Protein backbone atom coordinates (compact mmCIF):
# COMPACT_ATOMS: atom_id res chain seq x y z
CA UNK A 1 -35.31 -147.57 66.88
CA UNK A 2 -35.26 -143.73 66.58
CA UNK A 3 -34.81 -141.27 69.47
CA UNK A 4 -37.70 -138.73 69.63
CA UNK A 5 -36.30 -134.88 69.60
CA UNK A 6 -38.99 -132.93 71.80
CA UNK A 7 -39.10 -129.32 72.49
CA UNK A 8 -38.10 -127.71 75.77
CA UNK A 9 -40.19 -125.23 78.03
CA UNK A 10 -41.02 -124.74 81.71
CA UNK A 11 -37.63 -126.75 82.27
CA UNK A 12 -39.02 -130.02 80.68
CA UNK A 13 -39.19 -131.62 77.30
CA UNK A 14 -42.66 -131.99 75.68
CA UNK A 15 -43.62 -133.71 72.37
CA UNK A 16 -46.16 -131.13 70.92
CA UNK A 17 -49.67 -131.61 69.74
CA UNK A 18 -49.10 -131.12 66.01
CA UNK A 19 -48.52 -134.83 65.45
CA UNK A 20 -46.24 -133.88 63.02
CA UNK A 21 -42.40 -135.40 62.88
CA UNK A 22 -39.18 -134.91 60.82
CA UNK A 23 -36.65 -137.60 60.10
CA UNK A 24 -32.96 -136.67 61.47
CA UNK A 25 -30.26 -138.48 59.82
CA UNK A 26 -26.79 -139.50 60.24
CA UNK A 27 -24.70 -138.04 57.40
CA UNK A 28 -22.09 -140.48 57.33
CA UNK A 29 -24.51 -143.35 57.16
CA UNK A 30 -27.81 -142.22 55.14
CA UNK A 31 -29.89 -143.92 57.96
CA UNK A 32 -32.33 -141.99 60.17
CA UNK A 33 -31.15 -141.61 64.00
CA UNK A 34 -34.03 -139.63 65.33
CA UNK A 35 -37.34 -137.98 64.89
CA UNK A 36 -37.86 -134.18 65.42
CA UNK A 37 -41.25 -132.84 66.64
CA UNK A 38 -42.57 -130.04 64.08
CA UNK A 39 -44.27 -127.34 65.94
CA UNK A 40 -47.78 -126.50 65.64
CA UNK A 41 -49.25 -122.87 66.14
CA UNK A 42 -50.56 -123.66 69.86
CA UNK A 43 -46.93 -125.49 70.71
CA UNK A 44 -45.19 -122.05 69.52
CA UNK A 45 -47.33 -119.91 71.46
CA UNK A 46 -47.32 -122.30 74.64
CA UNK A 47 -43.30 -122.11 74.46
CA UNK A 48 -43.45 -118.20 73.75
CA UNK A 49 -45.98 -117.86 77.07
CA UNK A 50 -43.21 -119.74 79.08
CA UNK A 51 -40.49 -117.42 78.26
CA UNK A 52 -42.71 -114.39 78.58
CA UNK A 53 -43.58 -115.41 82.01
CA UNK A 54 -39.97 -115.99 83.01
CA UNK A 55 -38.63 -112.84 81.41
CA UNK A 56 -40.02 -110.71 84.01
CA UNK A 57 -38.48 -112.39 87.07
CA UNK A 58 -35.31 -112.89 85.05
CA UNK A 59 -35.02 -109.17 84.41
CA UNK A 60 -35.59 -108.20 87.94
CA UNK A 61 -32.76 -110.95 88.99
CA UNK A 62 -29.56 -109.13 90.11
CA UNK A 63 -26.76 -108.87 87.68
CA UNK A 64 -24.15 -110.58 90.45
CA UNK A 65 -26.79 -113.78 90.52
CA UNK A 66 -26.99 -113.54 86.54
CA UNK A 67 -23.53 -113.73 86.44
CA UNK A 68 -22.70 -116.77 88.85
CA UNK A 69 -25.05 -118.61 86.67
CA UNK A 70 -23.45 -117.54 83.34
CA UNK A 71 -19.74 -119.10 85.22
CA UNK A 72 -21.74 -122.08 86.07
CA UNK A 73 -22.78 -122.63 82.55
CA UNK A 74 -19.51 -121.68 81.13
CA UNK A 75 -17.85 -124.53 83.36
CA UNK A 76 -20.33 -126.80 82.69
CA UNK A 77 -19.80 -126.73 78.84
CA UNK A 78 -16.23 -126.27 79.07
CA UNK A 79 -15.97 -129.66 80.82
CA UNK A 80 -18.49 -131.49 78.73
CA UNK A 81 -17.73 -130.28 75.31
CA UNK A 82 -16.59 -133.88 73.86
CA UNK A 83 -19.99 -134.96 74.87
CA UNK A 84 -21.91 -132.24 72.60
CA UNK A 85 -19.26 -132.72 69.68
CA UNK A 86 -20.11 -136.21 69.26
CA UNK A 87 -23.87 -135.31 69.19
CA UNK A 88 -23.21 -132.68 66.47
CA UNK A 89 -20.99 -135.09 64.76
CA UNK A 90 -23.52 -137.69 64.47
CA UNK A 91 -26.54 -135.42 63.40
CA UNK A 92 -24.41 -132.80 61.22
CA UNK A 93 -21.37 -134.85 59.82
CA UNK A 94 -18.46 -132.71 60.44
CA UNK A 95 -15.37 -134.16 62.02
CA UNK A 96 -15.18 -134.35 65.69
CA UNK A 97 -12.42 -131.75 65.92
CA UNK A 98 -14.44 -129.48 64.05
CA UNK A 99 -17.06 -129.70 66.37
CA UNK A 100 -14.89 -129.16 69.23
CA UNK A 101 -13.41 -126.28 67.83
CA UNK A 102 -17.03 -124.87 66.74
CA UNK A 103 -18.01 -125.10 70.68
CA UNK A 104 -14.62 -123.66 71.73
CA UNK A 105 -15.65 -120.53 69.67
CA UNK A 106 -18.72 -120.32 71.19
CA UNK A 107 -17.33 -120.53 74.75
CA UNK A 108 -15.51 -117.36 73.59
CA UNK A 109 -19.20 -115.52 73.56
CA UNK A 110 -20.14 -117.19 77.05
CA UNK A 111 -16.96 -115.72 78.73
CA UNK A 112 -17.69 -112.40 77.11
CA UNK A 113 -21.19 -112.40 78.52
CA UNK A 114 -19.67 -113.36 81.83
CA UNK A 115 -18.32 -109.69 81.94
CA UNK A 116 -21.40 -108.03 80.96
CA UNK A 117 -21.91 -105.90 84.16
CA UNK A 118 -19.43 -103.68 82.42
CA UNK A 119 -21.38 -103.27 79.50
CA UNK A 120 -24.49 -102.54 81.32
CA UNK A 121 -23.72 -99.52 83.12
CA UNK A 122 -25.28 -96.45 82.34
CA UNK A 123 -24.66 -92.94 82.52
CA UNK A 124 -25.39 -90.00 85.05
CA UNK A 125 -25.38 -86.51 85.03
CA UNK A 126 -26.13 -84.28 87.86
CA UNK A 127 -27.96 -80.72 88.24
CA UNK A 128 -28.12 -80.90 84.03
CA UNK A 129 -30.75 -77.85 85.22
CA UNK A 130 -31.34 -76.47 88.42
CA UNK A 131 -32.16 -79.19 91.01
CA UNK A 132 -32.45 -81.79 87.88
CA UNK A 133 -30.65 -84.84 87.48
CA UNK A 134 -30.30 -87.40 84.40
CA UNK A 135 -29.50 -90.86 84.36
CA UNK A 136 -29.71 -93.69 81.67
CA UNK A 137 -29.91 -97.55 82.00
CA UNK A 138 -29.64 -100.52 79.48
CA UNK A 139 -32.68 -102.61 80.30
CA UNK A 140 -33.67 -105.95 78.69
CA UNK A 141 -36.04 -106.08 75.62
CA UNK A 142 -37.99 -108.60 76.91
CA UNK A 143 -38.19 -112.28 74.84
CA UNK A 144 -35.87 -112.92 71.98
CA UNK A 145 -36.43 -115.83 69.62
CA UNK A 146 -32.87 -117.26 68.11
CA UNK A 147 -33.43 -118.93 64.89
CA UNK A 148 -30.06 -120.59 63.98
CA UNK A 149 -28.74 -122.62 60.94
CA UNK A 150 -27.66 -126.31 60.51
CA UNK A 151 -23.96 -125.65 59.74
CA UNK A 152 -23.34 -124.44 63.37
CA UNK A 153 -26.15 -125.82 65.89
CA UNK A 154 -23.82 -124.89 68.89
CA UNK A 155 -21.59 -122.00 68.08
CA UNK A 156 -24.38 -119.57 66.22
CA UNK A 157 -26.66 -119.74 68.99
CA UNK A 158 -23.80 -119.10 71.55
CA UNK A 159 -23.45 -115.69 69.32
CA UNK A 160 -26.50 -114.64 70.74
CA UNK A 161 -28.23 -116.38 73.74
CA UNK A 162 -25.39 -116.22 76.32
CA UNK A 163 -25.39 -112.22 75.82
CA UNK A 164 -29.11 -112.04 75.84
CA UNK A 165 -29.57 -113.99 79.22
CA UNK A 166 -26.86 -112.27 80.69
CA UNK A 167 -28.82 -108.91 79.64
CA UNK A 168 -31.56 -109.84 81.41
CA UNK A 169 -33.71 -111.53 78.73
CA UNK A 170 -35.59 -114.86 78.13
CA UNK A 171 -34.82 -116.77 74.81
CA UNK A 172 -36.25 -119.19 72.61
CA UNK A 173 -34.02 -120.85 70.36
CA UNK A 174 -35.55 -122.83 67.09
CA UNK A 175 -32.62 -124.74 65.64
CA UNK A 176 -32.30 -126.20 62.31
CA UNK A 177 -34.65 -129.65 62.34
CA UNK A 178 -31.63 -130.85 60.34
CA UNK A 179 -29.54 -131.39 63.72
CA UNK A 180 -31.93 -130.25 66.54
CA UNK A 181 -30.57 -132.09 69.50
CA UNK A 182 -27.77 -129.70 70.37
CA UNK A 183 -30.31 -127.43 71.50
CA UNK A 184 -31.87 -129.50 73.82
CA UNK A 185 -28.51 -130.70 75.05
CA UNK A 186 -28.07 -127.04 75.76
CA UNK A 187 -31.19 -126.43 77.62
CA UNK A 188 -30.45 -129.18 80.04
CA UNK A 189 -27.15 -127.84 80.24
CA UNK A 190 -28.41 -124.49 81.54
CA UNK A 191 -31.07 -126.09 83.98
CA UNK A 192 -27.93 -127.88 85.59
CA UNK A 193 -26.41 -124.39 86.05
CA UNK A 194 -29.38 -123.30 87.64
CA UNK A 195 -30.94 -121.13 85.29
CA UNK A 196 -34.68 -120.42 86.14
CA UNK A 197 -37.04 -122.55 84.19
CA UNK A 198 -38.67 -120.64 81.18
CA UNK A 199 -35.65 -118.33 80.56
CA UNK A 200 -33.93 -120.54 78.18
CA UNK A 201 -36.68 -122.53 75.56
CA UNK A 202 -36.66 -124.61 72.73
CA UNK A 203 -39.13 -124.62 69.79
CA UNK A 204 -38.39 -127.12 67.04
CA UNK A 205 -40.04 -127.17 63.93
CA UNK A 206 -40.18 -125.78 60.50
CA UNK A 207 -41.76 -122.24 58.58
CA UNK A 208 -44.77 -122.71 61.06
CA UNK A 209 -42.43 -122.24 64.11
CA UNK A 210 -40.62 -119.69 62.62
CA UNK A 211 -43.82 -117.78 61.36
CA UNK A 212 -45.32 -118.22 65.04
CA UNK A 213 -42.07 -116.31 66.20
CA UNK A 214 -42.17 -113.73 63.97
CA UNK A 215 -45.67 -112.89 64.58
CA UNK A 216 -46.16 -113.18 68.26
CA UNK A 217 -46.52 -109.74 70.07
CA UNK A 218 -44.83 -111.50 73.06
CA UNK A 219 -41.56 -112.00 71.16
CA UNK A 220 -39.33 -108.56 71.15
CA UNK A 221 -36.45 -109.23 68.73
CA UNK A 222 -35.35 -111.79 66.48
CA UNK A 223 -31.72 -113.19 65.76
CA UNK A 224 -31.15 -115.09 62.29
CA UNK A 225 -28.68 -116.54 60.65
CA UNK A 226 -29.38 -118.46 57.53
CA UNK A 227 -29.83 -118.06 53.58
CA UNK A 228 -30.18 -114.72 52.32
CA UNK A 229 -33.80 -115.16 50.64
CA UNK A 230 -34.77 -116.24 54.34
CA UNK A 231 -32.99 -113.54 56.09
CA UNK A 232 -34.61 -110.83 54.05
CA UNK A 233 -38.01 -112.72 54.61
CA UNK A 234 -37.31 -112.48 58.51
CA UNK A 235 -36.19 -109.26 58.33
CA UNK A 236 -39.04 -107.77 56.46
CA UNK A 237 -41.81 -110.19 58.18
CA UNK A 238 -40.42 -109.66 61.67
CA UNK A 239 -40.15 -105.83 61.21
CA UNK A 240 -43.44 -105.63 60.02
CA UNK A 241 -44.39 -106.86 63.31
CA UNK A 242 -42.63 -104.21 65.11
CA UNK A 243 -39.58 -106.33 66.32
CA UNK A 244 -36.13 -105.23 66.56
CA UNK A 245 -34.41 -107.95 63.95
CA UNK A 246 -30.84 -108.78 63.11
CA UNK A 247 -30.85 -111.36 59.86
CA UNK A 248 -27.63 -112.53 58.77
CA UNK A 249 -27.52 -113.93 55.25
CA UNK A 250 -25.43 -115.86 52.91
CA UNK A 251 -21.77 -115.12 51.77
CA UNK A 252 -19.30 -115.91 48.35
CA UNK A 253 -16.30 -115.04 50.37
CA UNK A 254 -13.21 -114.27 48.41
CA UNK A 255 -9.58 -114.82 49.24
CA UNK A 256 -7.30 -112.52 47.16
CA UNK A 257 -3.48 -113.75 46.48
CA UNK A 258 -1.11 -111.02 45.47
CA UNK A 259 2.11 -112.29 43.47
CA UNK A 260 4.37 -111.40 46.42
CA UNK A 261 2.53 -113.62 48.93
CA UNK A 262 4.18 -117.10 50.50
CA UNK A 263 2.06 -119.34 48.33
CA UNK A 264 2.62 -122.35 50.25
CA UNK A 265 0.84 -120.30 52.87
CA UNK A 266 -1.80 -119.15 50.54
CA UNK A 267 -2.34 -122.92 49.14
CA UNK A 268 -2.66 -124.17 52.88
CA UNK A 269 -5.61 -121.27 53.84
CA UNK A 270 -7.26 -121.91 50.49
CA UNK A 271 -7.60 -125.79 51.47
CA UNK A 272 -8.29 -125.48 54.84
CA UNK A 273 -10.98 -122.31 54.50
CA UNK A 274 -12.38 -123.92 51.31
CA UNK A 275 -13.17 -127.22 52.30
CA UNK A 276 -13.15 -127.39 56.31
CA UNK A 277 -16.46 -128.66 57.18
CA UNK A 278 -17.24 -129.65 53.67
CA UNK A 279 -17.53 -126.06 52.88
CA UNK A 280 -20.32 -125.61 55.07
CA UNK A 281 -19.48 -122.43 56.38
CA UNK A 282 -20.81 -118.89 55.94
CA UNK A 283 -17.22 -117.74 56.43
CA UNK A 284 -15.94 -120.25 53.98
CA UNK A 285 -13.59 -119.18 51.09
CA UNK A 286 -15.27 -120.27 48.09
CA UNK A 287 -13.55 -117.98 45.60
CA UNK A 288 -9.80 -117.77 45.32
CA UNK A 289 -8.69 -114.64 43.12
CA UNK A 290 -5.30 -115.34 41.72
CA UNK A 291 -3.45 -111.78 40.76
CA UNK A 292 -0.88 -112.43 37.75
CA UNK A 293 1.34 -114.37 37.20
CA UNK A 294 0.91 -116.59 39.96
CA UNK A 295 -2.26 -118.62 38.82
CA UNK A 296 -0.83 -121.55 37.59
CA UNK A 297 1.87 -122.24 40.39
CA UNK A 298 -0.82 -121.51 42.65
CA UNK A 299 -3.37 -123.95 41.42
CA UNK A 300 -0.84 -126.79 41.45
CA UNK A 301 -0.02 -126.33 44.99
CA UNK A 302 -3.78 -126.34 46.12
CA UNK A 303 -4.45 -129.37 44.18
CA UNK A 304 -1.52 -131.23 45.41
CA UNK A 305 -2.98 -130.47 49.03
CA UNK A 306 -6.35 -130.98 47.94
CA UNK A 307 -5.37 -134.56 46.69
CA UNK A 308 -4.60 -135.26 50.17
CA UNK A 309 -7.64 -134.69 51.67
CA UNK A 310 -9.26 -137.85 53.27
CA UNK A 311 -13.49 -137.71 53.53
CA UNK A 312 -14.87 -139.97 55.88
CA UNK A 313 -17.21 -140.58 58.85
CA UNK A 314 -15.87 -138.09 61.62
CA UNK A 315 -16.96 -140.20 64.57
CA UNK A 316 -13.67 -141.75 64.00
CA UNK A 317 -11.23 -141.50 66.80
CA UNK A 318 -8.63 -138.74 66.78
CA UNK A 319 -5.83 -141.25 65.53
CA UNK A 320 -7.94 -141.81 62.62
CA UNK A 321 -9.97 -138.95 62.39
CA UNK A 322 -10.31 -137.99 58.29
CA UNK A 323 -10.13 -134.00 57.29
CA UNK A 324 -13.78 -133.50 56.05
CA UNK A 325 -17.04 -135.55 56.43
CA UNK A 326 -20.40 -136.03 54.74
CA UNK A 327 -22.81 -133.08 53.88
CA UNK A 328 -25.57 -132.54 55.77
CA UNK A 329 -28.18 -134.30 53.77
CA UNK A 330 -28.76 -136.13 50.41
CA UNK A 331 -30.74 -133.58 48.97
CA UNK A 332 -27.91 -130.93 49.39
CA UNK A 333 -25.45 -133.13 48.45
CA UNK A 334 -26.93 -133.71 45.35
CA UNK A 335 -27.70 -129.90 44.95
CA UNK A 336 -23.85 -129.27 45.46
CA UNK A 337 -23.06 -132.40 42.98
CA UNK A 338 -25.45 -130.47 40.11
CA UNK A 339 -23.36 -126.98 40.67
CA UNK A 340 -20.19 -129.00 39.70
CA UNK A 341 -22.13 -129.92 36.52
CA UNK A 342 -22.95 -126.87 35.80
CA UNK A 343 -19.34 -125.38 36.05
CA UNK A 344 -18.00 -128.12 33.88
CA UNK A 345 -20.71 -127.39 31.49
CA UNK A 346 -20.27 -123.66 31.39
CA UNK A 347 -16.48 -123.90 30.49
CA UNK A 348 -14.57 -123.87 33.47
CA UNK A 349 -11.82 -126.13 33.92
CA UNK A 350 -12.20 -129.01 36.42
CA UNK A 351 -8.92 -129.79 37.90
CA UNK A 352 -10.47 -131.91 40.73
CA UNK A 353 -13.95 -133.68 40.70
CA UNK A 354 -15.41 -134.10 44.22
CA UNK A 355 -17.92 -136.68 42.69
CA UNK A 356 -15.12 -139.35 42.28
CA UNK A 357 -14.63 -139.55 45.84
CA UNK A 358 -13.73 -142.76 47.70
CA UNK A 359 -14.65 -141.81 51.30
CA UNK A 360 -13.80 -143.70 54.61
CA UNK A 361 -16.96 -144.75 55.53
CA UNK A 362 -20.59 -146.15 54.68
CA UNK A 363 -21.61 -146.15 51.27
CA UNK A 364 -24.63 -144.95 51.85
CA UNK A 365 -23.41 -141.71 53.35
CA UNK A 366 -23.91 -138.41 51.63
CA UNK A 367 -20.15 -137.83 50.44
CA UNK A 368 -18.88 -135.66 47.95
CA UNK A 369 -15.04 -134.90 47.71
CA UNK A 370 -13.09 -131.66 47.60
CA UNK A 371 -13.97 -129.98 44.28
CA UNK A 372 -11.19 -127.25 42.33
CA UNK A 373 -12.42 -125.12 39.30
CA UNK A 374 -9.98 -123.21 37.53
CA UNK A 375 -10.49 -120.25 35.01
CA UNK A 376 -14.17 -119.54 36.37
CA UNK A 377 -15.52 -116.44 35.64
CA UNK A 378 -18.11 -113.94 36.97
CA UNK A 379 -20.98 -114.93 34.87
CA UNK A 380 -20.97 -118.61 35.61
CA UNK A 381 -23.28 -120.02 38.19
CA UNK A 382 -20.62 -121.37 40.50
CA UNK A 383 -19.39 -118.19 41.14
CA UNK A 384 -22.40 -116.32 41.76
CA UNK A 385 -24.35 -118.68 43.59
CA UNK A 386 -23.73 -119.58 47.28
CA UNK A 387 -22.88 -123.33 46.88
CA UNK A 388 -22.55 -124.12 50.61
CA UNK A 389 -20.33 -127.09 49.77
CA UNK A 390 -16.51 -128.28 49.03
CA UNK A 391 -16.26 -126.33 45.92
CA UNK A 392 -13.58 -123.75 45.32
CA UNK A 393 -13.38 -121.59 42.51
CA UNK A 394 -10.48 -120.02 40.92
CA UNK A 395 -10.95 -116.67 39.13
CA UNK A 396 -7.79 -115.02 37.49
CA UNK A 397 -7.04 -111.15 36.97
CA UNK A 398 -4.68 -108.84 35.72
CA UNK A 399 -4.15 -106.87 39.06
CA UNK A 400 -5.14 -105.84 42.22
CA UNK A 401 -7.34 -103.17 41.34
CA UNK A 402 -9.38 -105.78 39.25
CA UNK A 403 -9.43 -108.13 42.21
CA UNK A 404 -10.87 -105.19 44.61
CA UNK A 405 -13.50 -104.52 41.93
CA UNK A 406 -14.42 -108.10 41.54
CA UNK A 407 -15.04 -108.33 45.23
CA UNK A 408 -17.17 -104.97 45.72
CA UNK A 409 -19.24 -106.09 42.61
CA UNK A 410 -20.50 -108.91 44.23
CA UNK A 411 -23.89 -108.84 46.16
CA UNK A 412 -22.29 -110.44 49.03
CA UNK A 413 -20.34 -108.79 51.55
CA UNK A 414 -19.70 -111.27 54.52
CA UNK A 415 -15.69 -111.87 54.69
CA UNK A 416 -12.83 -111.61 52.55
CA UNK A 417 -9.28 -112.19 53.11
CA UNK A 418 -5.92 -110.91 51.13
CA UNK A 419 -2.45 -112.92 51.34
CA UNK A 420 0.36 -110.57 50.82
CA UNK A 421 3.99 -109.77 52.41
CA UNK A 422 3.70 -106.22 51.62
CA UNK A 423 1.92 -104.20 54.75
CA UNK A 424 1.10 -101.37 52.12
CA UNK A 425 -0.92 -103.35 50.27
CA UNK A 426 -2.96 -104.79 53.16
CA UNK A 427 -3.36 -101.57 54.62
CA UNK A 428 -4.91 -100.50 51.36
CA UNK A 429 -7.17 -103.68 50.96
CA UNK A 430 -8.79 -102.68 54.29
CA UNK A 431 -10.06 -99.46 53.00
CA UNK A 432 -10.74 -100.50 49.44
CA UNK A 433 -12.93 -103.57 50.06
CA UNK A 434 -16.63 -103.11 50.82
CA UNK A 435 -17.33 -106.04 53.36
CA UNK A 436 -17.88 -106.51 56.79
CA UNK A 437 -14.95 -108.99 58.03
CA UNK A 438 -11.23 -108.82 56.65
CA UNK A 439 -8.58 -111.13 56.90
CA UNK A 440 -4.72 -110.23 56.50
CA UNK A 441 -2.91 -113.45 56.11
CA UNK A 442 -5.87 -115.30 57.96
CA UNK A 443 -8.59 -116.95 55.49
CA UNK A 444 -11.48 -117.35 57.81
CA UNK A 445 -11.74 -113.56 59.62
CA UNK A 446 -14.08 -114.55 62.28
CA UNK A 447 -13.31 -111.88 64.83
CA UNK A 448 -12.99 -112.90 68.62
CA UNK A 449 -16.38 -112.04 71.09
CA UNK A 450 -15.44 -108.69 72.24
CA UNK A 451 -15.91 -107.64 68.23
CA UNK A 452 -18.71 -107.85 66.19
CA UNK A 453 -19.51 -110.82 63.75
CA UNK A 454 -21.64 -109.59 60.70
CA UNK A 455 -21.32 -108.62 56.63
CA UNK A 456 -22.65 -105.93 54.56
CA UNK A 457 -24.86 -105.82 51.39
CA UNK A 458 -26.99 -108.83 51.27
CA UNK A 459 -24.99 -110.43 53.82
CA UNK A 460 -27.03 -108.90 56.49
CA UNK A 461 -30.52 -107.37 57.00
CA UNK A 462 -30.76 -105.11 60.08
CA UNK A 463 -27.91 -102.48 61.22
CA UNK A 464 -26.66 -104.70 63.96
CA UNK A 465 -24.09 -107.14 63.96
CA UNK A 466 -23.66 -110.44 66.45
CA UNK A 467 -21.94 -110.28 69.61
CA UNK A 468 -19.23 -107.80 70.83
CA UNK A 469 -20.73 -104.65 72.23
CA UNK A 470 -23.44 -104.28 68.94
CA UNK A 471 -24.81 -107.81 70.75
CA UNK A 472 -25.21 -106.28 74.05
CA UNK A 473 -26.89 -103.04 72.90
CA UNK A 474 -29.11 -105.04 70.50
CA UNK A 475 -30.51 -107.33 73.46
CA UNK A 476 -30.84 -103.93 75.65
CA UNK A 477 -32.88 -100.93 75.47
CA UNK A 478 -31.98 -97.28 76.63
CA UNK A 479 -34.20 -95.90 79.21
CA UNK A 480 -33.30 -92.38 80.54
CA UNK A 481 -34.76 -90.78 83.62
CA UNK A 482 -35.02 -87.34 84.39
CA UNK A 483 -35.77 -86.31 88.25
CA UNK A 484 -36.34 -83.68 90.63
CA UNK A 485 -36.35 -83.94 94.58
CA UNK A 486 -37.44 -80.68 96.18
CA UNK A 487 -36.22 -79.78 99.34
CA UNK A 488 -39.23 -78.46 101.40
CA UNK A 489 -37.33 -75.86 103.24
CA UNK A 490 -36.48 -74.04 99.63
CA UNK A 491 -39.59 -75.02 97.72
CA UNK A 492 -39.74 -72.98 94.37
CA UNK A 493 -42.82 -70.65 93.66
CA UNK A 494 -45.16 -72.61 92.07
CA UNK A 495 -48.18 -71.63 89.39
CA UNK A 496 -49.11 -72.58 86.25
CA UNK A 497 -46.50 -72.79 83.11
CA UNK A 498 -47.73 -74.01 80.29
CA UNK A 499 -44.67 -73.36 78.12
CA UNK A 500 -42.54 -75.83 77.07
CA UNK A 501 -39.88 -77.02 80.02
CA UNK A 502 -36.57 -74.66 79.77
CA UNK A 503 -33.30 -75.80 81.07
CA UNK A 504 -32.09 -73.14 83.48
């Protein structure tokens, strides 16, 4: 028996009209656990129309009432995050503690959105001209579509929808068809928190659903996270149809270790940031840049720690929980294994081969262990491509300057980190590297919710990052009102004046 996973609109599930379904598998067993509905164009228009109808009343709802619903949602999510984490683990494969961590970071954005009233304040200027006042407002854009990836089925949508809803918009969430159940769970939680029907909808599906959102005249803004080719497509297609778009793309994040760094700390960070969630993170460290002469010692310490990583079924209890789960699908596992073969063929030194893993779980799971390459060069595919798996490549350089040049030459600019005990070197690194997020002795520099998340170069299409004040501005438009109230007792002389208005 498999569970049907439906769309959500007008406060209820519905199966859609396409008759098309996709299998959802448990990556730890390789078995089908559910079937998700794939939207037709008609289904998409039904969901979008529901959101459009709801958006007008929600935009007119007081900030006080919106905030109370946000607080209620926050309390429900915090009290039931274990339930959502189990759902994520069963469809994505990440271990339970990692899933709880993802939800907790999403909660940070919900809490930020609970205080949005302060950030929606406009300005007021009295008597800018004789008898004329001007004030500004931040008003909702209308209907917002959130197209999210498989690797964070809760956290990534929560980068966007709490702020969008708090600002007065209706949201249509299009989750990945690989792990779609979290989106439905969140929709039901919003309903329990008191959110009016239609303000939060879920459209399941594939490219048909995405294109319907990009083309619909009733969708005003698009927030996307995924691979760079799709991010570029979403940005160009959405912009062509007059929408505001923020499209976050791929990454190739570097961790630079300077000779003065604490090598034990750096080795721990490389393993944690390289192999956590099986490397299926846009902020994962996939390239470690070892600055001479510490390469041999650092690689040895990383290899020692990597050999201790336990791979297995993340649904096990905390006392026996493995460190790393399976990859999300069989096809993706095979793709990552292909990169390992390509790196070996290109001449990189294969220190640890994840294809030899002995997992603690079902033999049909999509397993691949941590893989470590040394002496990788920038011409190799394992350096150039976003692998999105547990593969860490060590590149050796002779100097700080060479490390910075390597990072800046890379087409991606999502995040990078430096490990050093030299404050001057760290400060210089901040200024020298051209990326959106930087960590100083922090391997995964995901900002807290009041700061923005986003990369540079081919890691971001559009000019606005996620959450923080940039998120508030993305989900609102500026409106400026110029007013004059005339005192009948002091009415100025009338008459025609066709010249351009002047301030006096």
